[in-house]
Amino acid sequence: MHDYHVSVTQMQYNAALKTFEVSIRMFTDDLERALSQGNDKQRVVIKNDDKNDPLVERYVLKSFVLADSQKKPVAIKYVGKEQEEDATWVYLEIPFSGPLNGCKLQNSTLMEVFDDQVNMTNIKNASEKRTFLFKKGQTVHIL
């Protein structure tokens, strides 16, 4: 267990593929707790096998949402997850070719579990890098 609840998300734009490559790092025990709450309270244990991938995918795609400037959700592809000693990395791809200005990003991951959850999101697009902090009461930012 740990006294702070934080996730770190990296969104890196790949101009050649016109895709944002996204990696989200969460504490494994926090993710397991969130998945267990949404799984009829049945304990979920994260491992590097694919057994829990559908649960992880459903959860992350519900809490991490990008909407374009017209407020239409952008399709996000779940690539997979990787479990380390105390952290789980979740990988996503977001096909994207328009400007980011006016887009809305929601990152409410784990906020239903911890009131003090903070999700730091770093977005790198061409030469521009911006960081956003998401927390209870501020789960959406306009980019």
N, C-alpha and C. Protein backbone atom coordinates (compact mmCIF):
# COMPACT_ATOMS: atom_id res chain seq x y z
N MET A 1 0.84 -1.20 0.00
CA MET A 1 0.00 0.00 0.00
C MET A 1 0.88 1.25 0.00
N HIS A 2 0.29 2.33 -0.43
CA HIS A 2 1.02 3.58 -0.51
C HIS A 2 0.08 4.71 -0.09
N ASP A 3 0.68 5.84 0.30
CA ASP A 3 -0.10 6.94 0.85
C ASP A 3 -0.58 7.93 -0.20
N TYR A 4 -0.09 7.83 -1.41
CA TYR A 4 -0.51 8.76 -2.45
C TYR A 4 -1.07 7.98 -3.62
N HIS A 5 -1.96 8.61 -4.34
CA HIS A 5 -2.66 7.95 -5.44
C HIS A 5 -2.48 8.79 -6.70
N VAL A 6 -1.61 8.32 -7.57
CA VAL A 6 -1.27 9.08 -8.77
C VAL A 6 -1.07 8.14 -9.95
N SER A 7 -1.47 8.60 -11.10
CA SER A 7 -1.14 7.90 -12.34
C SER A 7 -0.42 8.89 -13.24
N VAL A 8 0.39 8.36 -14.15
CA VAL A 8 1.11 9.21 -15.10
C VAL A 8 0.79 8.71 -16.50
N THR A 9 0.33 9.63 -17.33
CA THR A 9 -0.01 9.30 -18.71
C THR A 9 0.88 10.08 -19.66
N GLN A 10 1.42 9.38 -20.64
CA GLN A 10 2.21 10.01 -21.71
C GLN A 10 1.42 9.88 -23.00
N MET A 11 1.20 11.00 -23.68
CA MET A 11 0.57 11.00 -25.00
C MET A 11 1.58 11.59 -25.98
N GLN A 12 2.12 10.75 -26.83
CA GLN A 12 3.15 11.18 -27.79
C GLN A 12 2.57 11.06 -29.19
N TYR A 13 2.63 12.16 -29.96
CA TYR A 13 2.08 12.12 -31.31
C TYR A 13 3.10 11.55 -32.28
N ASN A 14 2.67 10.55 -33.04
CA ASN A 14 3.49 9.95 -34.09
C ASN A 14 2.97 10.50 -35.41
N ALA A 15 3.68 11.50 -35.96
CA ALA A 15 3.22 12.19 -37.17
C ALA A 15 3.15 11.25 -38.37
N ALA A 16 4.08 10.31 -38.47
CA ALA A 16 4.10 9.39 -39.61
C ALA A 16 2.84 8.52 -39.64
N LEU A 17 2.39 8.10 -38.46
CA LEU A 17 1.20 7.25 -38.38
C LEU A 17 -0.08 8.03 -38.09
N LYS A 18 0.07 9.36 -37.86
CA LYS A 18 -1.06 10.21 -37.49
C LYS A 18 -1.83 9.59 -36.33
N THR A 19 -1.07 9.27 -35.28
CA THR A 19 -1.62 8.57 -34.13
C THR A 19 -0.97 9.07 -32.84
N PHE A 20 -1.77 9.23 -31.80
CA PHE A 20 -1.21 9.44 -30.47
C PHE A 20 -0.93 8.06 -29.88
N GLU A 21 0.29 7.87 -29.41
CA GLU A 21 0.67 6.66 -28.70
C GLU A 21 0.59 6.99 -27.22
N VAL A 22 -0.25 6.27 -26.50
CA VAL A 22 -0.56 6.60 -25.11
C VAL A 22 -0.09 5.49 -24.20
N SER A 23 0.58 5.87 -23.12
CA SER A 23 0.92 4.90 -22.07
C SER A 23 0.45 5.49 -20.74
N ILE A 24 -0.25 4.67 -19.98
CA ILE A 24 -0.77 5.08 -18.67
C ILE A 24 -0.14 4.18 -17.62
N ARG A 25 0.54 4.79 -16.64
CA ARG A 25 1.16 4.02 -15.56
C ARG A 25 0.35 4.23 -14.29
N MET A 26 -0.14 3.10 -13.75
CA MET A 26 -0.93 3.13 -12.51
C MET A 26 -0.34 2.12 -11.53
N PHE A 27 -0.54 2.38 -10.25
CA PHE A 27 -0.17 1.36 -9.27
C PHE A 27 -1.08 0.16 -9.48
N THR A 28 -0.50 -1.02 -9.52
CA THR A 28 -1.26 -2.24 -9.80
C THR A 28 -2.36 -2.47 -8.77
N ASP A 29 -2.05 -2.27 -7.49
CA ASP A 29 -3.07 -2.53 -6.46
C ASP A 29 -4.25 -1.57 -6.59
N ASP A 30 -4.00 -0.34 -7.03
CA ASP A 30 -5.09 0.61 -7.25
C ASP A 30 -5.97 0.17 -8.41
N LEU A 31 -5.34 -0.25 -9.50
CA LEU A 31 -6.10 -0.72 -10.66
C LEU A 31 -6.90 -1.97 -10.31
N GLU A 32 -6.29 -2.89 -9.56
CA GLU A 32 -7.00 -4.10 -9.14
C GLU A 32 -8.23 -3.75 -8.31
N ARG A 33 -8.07 -2.77 -7.44
CA ARG A 33 -9.20 -2.35 -6.59
C ARG A 33 -10.34 -1.78 -7.44
N ALA A 34 -9.98 -0.94 -8.41
CA ALA A 34 -11.00 -0.34 -9.29
C ALA A 34 -11.70 -1.42 -10.12
N LEU A 35 -10.93 -2.35 -10.66
CA LEU A 35 -11.51 -3.42 -11.47
C LEU A 35 -12.39 -4.34 -10.63
N SER A 36 -11.98 -4.60 -9.40
CA SER A 36 -12.77 -5.46 -8.51
C SER A 36 -14.10 -4.80 -8.16
N GLN A 37 -14.09 -3.48 -7.93
CA GLN A 37 -15.33 -2.76 -7.64
C GLN A 37 -16.31 -2.86 -8.80
N GLY A 38 -15.80 -2.84 -10.01
CA GLY A 38 -16.66 -2.90 -11.19
C GLY A 38 -16.93 -4.31 -11.66
N ASN A 39 -16.51 -5.31 -10.91
CA ASN A 39 -16.65 -6.71 -11.31
C ASN A 39 -17.45 -7.48 -10.25
N ASP A 40 -18.56 -6.89 -9.84
CA ASP A 40 -19.41 -7.50 -8.80
C ASP A 40 -18.61 -7.86 -7.55
N LYS A 41 -17.63 -7.02 -7.23
CA LYS A 41 -16.79 -7.18 -6.03
C LYS A 41 -15.93 -8.45 -6.06
N GLN A 42 -15.86 -9.13 -7.20
CA GLN A 42 -14.97 -10.29 -7.30
C GLN A 42 -13.55 -9.78 -7.49
N ARG A 43 -12.64 -10.28 -6.68
CA ARG A 43 -11.25 -9.81 -6.69
C ARG A 43 -10.61 -10.05 -8.05
N VAL A 44 -10.02 -9.00 -8.60
CA VAL A 44 -9.30 -9.07 -9.87
C VAL A 44 -7.82 -8.93 -9.57
N VAL A 45 -7.02 -9.84 -10.10
CA VAL A 45 -5.57 -9.79 -9.95
C VAL A 45 -4.95 -9.59 -11.33
N ILE A 46 -4.11 -8.56 -11.42
CA ILE A 46 -3.47 -8.23 -12.70
C ILE A 46 -2.20 -9.05 -12.87
N LYS A 47 -2.10 -9.69 -14.01
CA LYS A 47 -0.89 -10.42 -14.39
C LYS A 47 -0.60 -10.09 -15.84
N ASN A 48 0.53 -10.54 -16.33
CA ASN A 48 0.87 -10.25 -17.72
C ASN A 48 0.13 -11.12 -18.73
N ASP A 49 -0.72 -12.04 -18.25
CA ASP A 49 -1.50 -12.82 -19.21
C ASP A 49 -2.68 -11.97 -19.71
N ASP A 50 -3.39 -12.47 -20.66
CA ASP A 50 -4.46 -11.70 -21.28
C ASP A 50 -5.82 -11.89 -20.61
N LYS A 51 -5.89 -12.68 -19.56
CA LYS A 51 -7.17 -13.03 -18.94
C LYS A 51 -8.00 -11.81 -18.55
N ASN A 52 -7.36 -10.81 -17.96
CA ASN A 52 -8.08 -9.64 -17.49
C ASN A 52 -8.06 -8.48 -18.47
N ASP A 53 -7.48 -8.68 -19.65
CA ASP A 53 -7.43 -7.60 -20.63
C ASP A 53 -8.81 -7.00 -20.94
N PRO A 54 -9.86 -7.81 -21.12
CA PRO A 54 -11.17 -7.20 -21.41
C PRO A 54 -11.65 -6.28 -20.29
N LEU A 55 -11.38 -6.64 -19.04
CA LEU A 55 -11.77 -5.78 -17.91
C LEU A 55 -10.97 -4.49 -17.92
N VAL A 56 -9.66 -4.61 -18.14
CA VAL A 56 -8.79 -3.43 -18.17
C VAL A 56 -9.21 -2.52 -19.32
N GLU A 57 -9.42 -3.11 -20.49
CA GLU A 57 -9.81 -2.33 -21.67
C GLU A 57 -11.10 -1.56 -21.41
N ARG A 58 -12.12 -2.25 -20.94
CA ARG A 58 -13.42 -1.61 -20.68
C ARG A 58 -13.26 -0.47 -19.69
N TYR A 59 -12.52 -0.72 -18.61
CA TYR A 59 -12.34 0.29 -17.57
C TYR A 59 -11.61 1.53 -18.11
N VAL A 60 -10.48 1.31 -18.77
CA VAL A 60 -9.67 2.44 -19.23
C VAL A 60 -10.40 3.24 -20.30
N LEU A 61 -11.07 2.56 -21.22
CA LEU A 61 -11.77 3.29 -22.29
C LEU A 61 -12.98 4.06 -21.78
N LYS A 62 -13.44 3.73 -20.58
CA LYS A 62 -14.53 4.48 -19.96
C LYS A 62 -13.99 5.72 -19.23
N SER A 63 -12.79 5.63 -18.69
CA SER A 63 -12.26 6.72 -17.87
C SER A 63 -11.28 7.63 -18.61
N PHE A 64 -10.81 7.21 -19.78
CA PHE A 64 -9.87 8.01 -20.57
C PHE A 64 -10.52 8.26 -21.93
N VAL A 65 -10.98 9.50 -22.14
CA VAL A 65 -11.77 9.82 -23.34
C VAL A 65 -11.25 11.11 -23.96
N LEU A 66 -11.06 11.08 -25.27
CA LEU A 66 -10.69 12.27 -26.02
C LEU A 66 -11.85 12.62 -26.95
N ALA A 67 -12.29 13.87 -26.90
CA ALA A 67 -13.36 14.34 -27.79
C ALA A 67 -12.79 15.45 -28.66
N ASP A 68 -13.16 15.45 -29.94
CA ASP A 68 -12.65 16.48 -30.84
C ASP A 68 -13.33 17.82 -30.56
N SER A 69 -12.97 18.84 -31.33
CA SER A 69 -13.50 20.18 -31.07
C SER A 69 -15.00 20.26 -31.31
N GLN A 70 -15.58 19.27 -32.00
CA GLN A 70 -17.03 19.20 -32.20
C GLN A 70 -17.70 18.40 -31.08
N LYS A 71 -16.92 18.02 -30.06
CA LYS A 71 -17.38 17.26 -28.89
C LYS A 71 -17.73 15.81 -29.22
N LYS A 72 -17.23 15.30 -30.34
CA LYS A 72 -17.45 13.90 -30.70
C LYS A 72 -16.30 13.07 -30.15
N PRO A 73 -16.60 11.98 -29.43
CA PRO A 73 -15.52 11.12 -28.92
C PRO A 73 -14.68 10.54 -30.07
N VAL A 74 -13.38 10.54 -29.87
CA VAL A 74 -12.45 9.99 -30.84
C VAL A 74 -12.25 8.51 -30.50
N ALA A 75 -12.21 7.66 -31.52
CA ALA A 75 -12.01 6.23 -31.30
C ALA A 75 -10.64 5.98 -30.69
N ILE A 76 -10.61 5.20 -29.62
CA ILE A 76 -9.35 4.84 -28.96
C ILE A 76 -9.19 3.34 -29.03
N LYS A 77 -8.01 2.91 -29.44
CA LYS A 77 -7.73 1.47 -29.56
C LYS A 77 -6.89 1.01 -28.37
N TYR A 78 -7.38 -0.01 -27.69
CA TYR A 78 -6.64 -0.63 -26.59
C TYR A 78 -5.59 -1.55 -27.21
N VAL A 79 -4.32 -1.33 -26.86
CA VAL A 79 -3.22 -2.12 -27.42
C VAL A 79 -2.86 -3.27 -26.48
N GLY A 80 -2.87 -2.99 -25.16
CA GLY A 80 -2.53 -4.02 -24.20
C GLY A 80 -2.05 -3.44 -22.89
N LYS A 81 -1.55 -4.32 -22.03
CA LYS A 81 -1.04 -3.89 -20.73
C LYS A 81 0.23 -4.66 -20.42
N GLU A 82 0.99 -4.11 -19.49
CA GLU A 82 2.23 -4.74 -19.06
C GLU A 82 2.36 -4.52 -17.56
N GLN A 83 2.49 -5.59 -16.81
CA GLN A 83 2.57 -5.49 -15.36
C GLN A 83 4.01 -5.58 -14.91
N GLU A 84 4.42 -4.62 -14.08
CA GLU A 84 5.76 -4.62 -13.49
C GLU A 84 5.61 -4.95 -12.01
N GLU A 85 6.66 -4.69 -11.25
CA GLU A 85 6.65 -5.03 -9.83
C GLU A 85 5.44 -4.46 -9.09
N ASP A 86 5.27 -3.14 -9.13
CA ASP A 86 4.14 -2.53 -8.42
C ASP A 86 3.28 -1.65 -9.32
N ALA A 87 3.58 -1.65 -10.61
CA ALA A 87 2.86 -0.79 -11.54
C ALA A 87 2.36 -1.58 -12.75
N THR A 88 1.30 -1.07 -13.32
CA THR A 88 0.78 -1.63 -14.57
C THR A 88 0.78 -0.51 -15.61
N TRP A 89 1.31 -0.83 -16.77
CA TRP A 89 1.28 0.08 -17.91
C TRP A 89 0.15 -0.35 -18.82
N VAL A 90 -0.67 0.60 -19.23
CA VAL A 90 -1.73 0.34 -20.20
C VAL A 90 -1.39 1.15 -21.45
N TYR A 91 -1.49 0.50 -22.61
CA TYR A 91 -1.11 1.13 -23.87
C TYR A 91 -2.33 1.30 -24.77
N LEU A 92 -2.45 2.51 -25.33
CA LEU A 92 -3.55 2.86 -26.22
C LEU A 92 -3.01 3.54 -27.47
N GLU A 93 -3.80 3.52 -28.52
CA GLU A 93 -3.49 4.30 -29.72
C GLU A 93 -4.74 5.10 -30.09
N ILE A 94 -4.50 6.37 -30.47
CA ILE A 94 -5.60 7.23 -30.86
C ILE A 94 -5.31 7.80 -32.25
N PRO A 95 -5.97 7.29 -33.29
CA PRO A 95 -5.80 7.90 -34.61
C PRO A 95 -6.27 9.36 -34.54
N PHE A 96 -5.41 10.28 -35.01
CA PHE A 96 -5.74 11.70 -34.85
C PHE A 96 -4.99 12.51 -35.88
N SER A 97 -5.71 13.34 -36.63
CA SER A 97 -5.03 14.15 -37.63
C SER A 97 -5.39 15.63 -37.55
N GLY A 98 -6.35 15.98 -36.74
CA GLY A 98 -6.76 17.38 -36.65
C GLY A 98 -5.97 18.14 -35.60
N PRO A 99 -6.27 19.41 -35.43
CA PRO A 99 -5.61 20.19 -34.38
C PRO A 99 -6.15 19.79 -33.00
N LEU A 100 -5.29 19.90 -32.00
CA LEU A 100 -5.71 19.57 -30.63
C LEU A 100 -6.50 20.71 -29.98
N ASN A 101 -6.30 21.92 -30.48
CA ASN A 101 -6.98 23.07 -29.89
C ASN A 101 -8.49 22.86 -29.89
N GLY A 102 -9.10 23.03 -28.73
CA GLY A 102 -10.53 22.87 -28.60
C GLY A 102 -10.98 21.45 -28.28
N CYS A 103 -10.07 20.50 -28.35
CA CYS A 103 -10.41 19.12 -27.98
C CYS A 103 -10.55 19.03 -26.47
N LYS A 104 -11.31 18.04 -26.02
CA LYS A 104 -11.48 17.82 -24.57
C LYS A 104 -10.91 16.46 -24.22
N LEU A 105 -10.14 16.43 -23.15
CA LEU A 105 -9.58 15.18 -22.66
C LEU A 105 -10.11 14.92 -21.26
N GLN A 106 -10.66 13.73 -21.07
CA GLN A 106 -11.10 13.29 -19.75
C GLN A 106 -10.15 12.21 -19.28
N ASN A 107 -9.66 12.35 -18.04
CA ASN A 107 -8.85 11.30 -17.43
C ASN A 107 -9.31 11.15 -15.99
N SER A 108 -10.36 10.35 -15.81
CA SER A 108 -10.94 10.15 -14.47
C SER A 108 -10.53 8.80 -13.88
N THR A 109 -9.46 8.24 -14.40
CA THR A 109 -8.98 6.93 -13.96
C THR A 109 -8.79 6.90 -12.44
N LEU A 110 -9.37 5.91 -11.81
CA LEU A 110 -9.24 5.61 -10.37
C LEU A 110 -9.90 6.63 -9.44
N MET A 111 -10.55 7.65 -9.98
CA MET A 111 -11.14 8.68 -9.12
C MET A 111 -12.36 8.19 -8.36
N GLU A 112 -13.01 7.13 -8.85
CA GLU A 112 -14.15 6.57 -8.12
C GLU A 112 -13.67 5.73 -6.93
N VAL A 113 -12.37 5.45 -6.89
CA VAL A 113 -11.80 4.64 -5.81
C VAL A 113 -11.16 5.52 -4.75
N PHE A 114 -10.45 6.57 -5.18
CA PHE A 114 -9.70 7.42 -4.25
C PHE A 114 -10.06 8.88 -4.45
N ASP A 115 -10.48 9.55 -3.38
CA ASP A 115 -10.82 10.97 -3.46
C ASP A 115 -9.61 11.84 -3.76
N ASP A 116 -8.41 11.37 -3.38
CA ASP A 116 -7.21 12.18 -3.58
C ASP A 116 -6.43 11.78 -4.84
N GLN A 117 -7.05 11.00 -5.72
CA GLN A 117 -6.39 10.55 -6.95
C GLN A 117 -6.02 11.74 -7.83
N VAL A 118 -4.79 11.74 -8.34
CA VAL A 118 -4.31 12.75 -9.29
C VAL A 118 -3.77 12.01 -10.50
N ASN A 119 -4.21 12.43 -11.68
CA ASN A 119 -3.75 11.84 -12.93
C ASN A 119 -3.00 12.90 -13.72
N MET A 120 -1.69 12.75 -13.78
CA MET A 120 -0.86 13.69 -14.54
C MET A 120 -0.76 13.19 -15.97
N THR A 121 -1.05 14.07 -16.92
CA THR A 121 -1.03 13.70 -18.33
C THR A 121 -0.11 14.63 -19.09
N ASN A 122 0.93 14.05 -19.69
CA ASN A 122 1.88 14.80 -20.52
C ASN A 122 1.53 14.56 -21.98
N ILE A 123 1.34 15.64 -22.72
CA ILE A 123 0.99 15.54 -24.14
C ILE A 123 2.11 16.17 -24.96
N LYS A 124 2.68 15.38 -25.86
CA LYS A 124 3.73 15.89 -26.74
C LYS A 124 3.22 15.79 -28.17
N ASN A 125 3.10 16.95 -28.81
CA ASN A 125 2.60 17.04 -30.18
C ASN A 125 3.56 17.94 -30.95
N ALA A 126 4.31 17.37 -31.88
CA ALA A 126 5.35 18.09 -32.63
C ALA A 126 6.36 18.65 -31.63
N SER A 127 6.55 19.96 -31.62
CA SER A 127 7.54 20.54 -30.70
C SER A 127 6.90 21.03 -29.41
N GLU A 128 5.60 20.86 -29.28
CA GLU A 128 4.89 21.36 -28.11
C GLU A 128 4.69 20.26 -27.07
N LYS A 129 4.95 20.60 -25.81
CA LYS A 129 4.71 19.66 -24.72
C LYS A 129 3.91 20.38 -23.65
N ARG A 130 2.80 19.75 -23.23
CA ARG A 130 1.97 20.34 -22.18
C ARG A 130 1.64 19.27 -21.15
N THR A 131 1.46 19.71 -19.92
CA THR A 131 1.11 18.81 -18.83
C THR A 131 -0.19 19.28 -18.20
N PHE A 132 -1.08 18.32 -17.95
CA PHE A 132 -2.36 18.60 -17.32
C PHE A 132 -2.51 17.72 -16.09
N LEU A 133 -3.11 18.29 -15.03
CA LEU A 133 -3.41 17.53 -13.82
C LEU A 133 -4.92 17.35 -13.73
N PHE A 134 -5.33 16.11 -13.60
CA PHE A 134 -6.74 15.76 -13.47
C PHE A 134 -6.96 15.27 -12.04
N LYS A 135 -8.03 15.77 -11.41
CA LYS A 135 -8.35 15.36 -10.04
C LYS A 135 -9.84 15.47 -9.84
N LYS A 136 -10.33 15.03 -8.67
CA LYS A 136 -11.76 15.13 -8.37
C LYS A 136 -12.21 16.57 -8.59
N GLY A 137 -13.29 16.75 -9.30
CA GLY A 137 -13.79 18.09 -9.58
C GLY A 137 -13.21 18.70 -10.84
N GLN A 138 -12.14 18.11 -11.36
CA GLN A 138 -11.54 18.58 -12.61
C GLN A 138 -11.03 17.38 -13.40
N THR A 139 -11.98 16.61 -13.92
CA THR A 139 -11.64 15.39 -14.65
C THR A 139 -11.52 15.62 -16.15
N VAL A 140 -11.85 16.85 -16.60
CA VAL A 140 -11.80 17.18 -18.03
C VAL A 140 -11.01 18.46 -18.22
N HIS A 141 -10.16 18.48 -19.25
CA HIS A 141 -9.44 19.70 -19.64
C HIS A 141 -9.69 19.96 -21.11
N ILE A 142 -9.79 21.24 -21.46
CA ILE A 142 -9.84 21.63 -22.87
C ILE A 142 -8.40 21.86 -23.31
N LEU A 143 -8.01 21.19 -24.38
CA LEU A 143 -6.62 21.25 -24.84
C LEU A 143 -6.37 22.47 -25.72
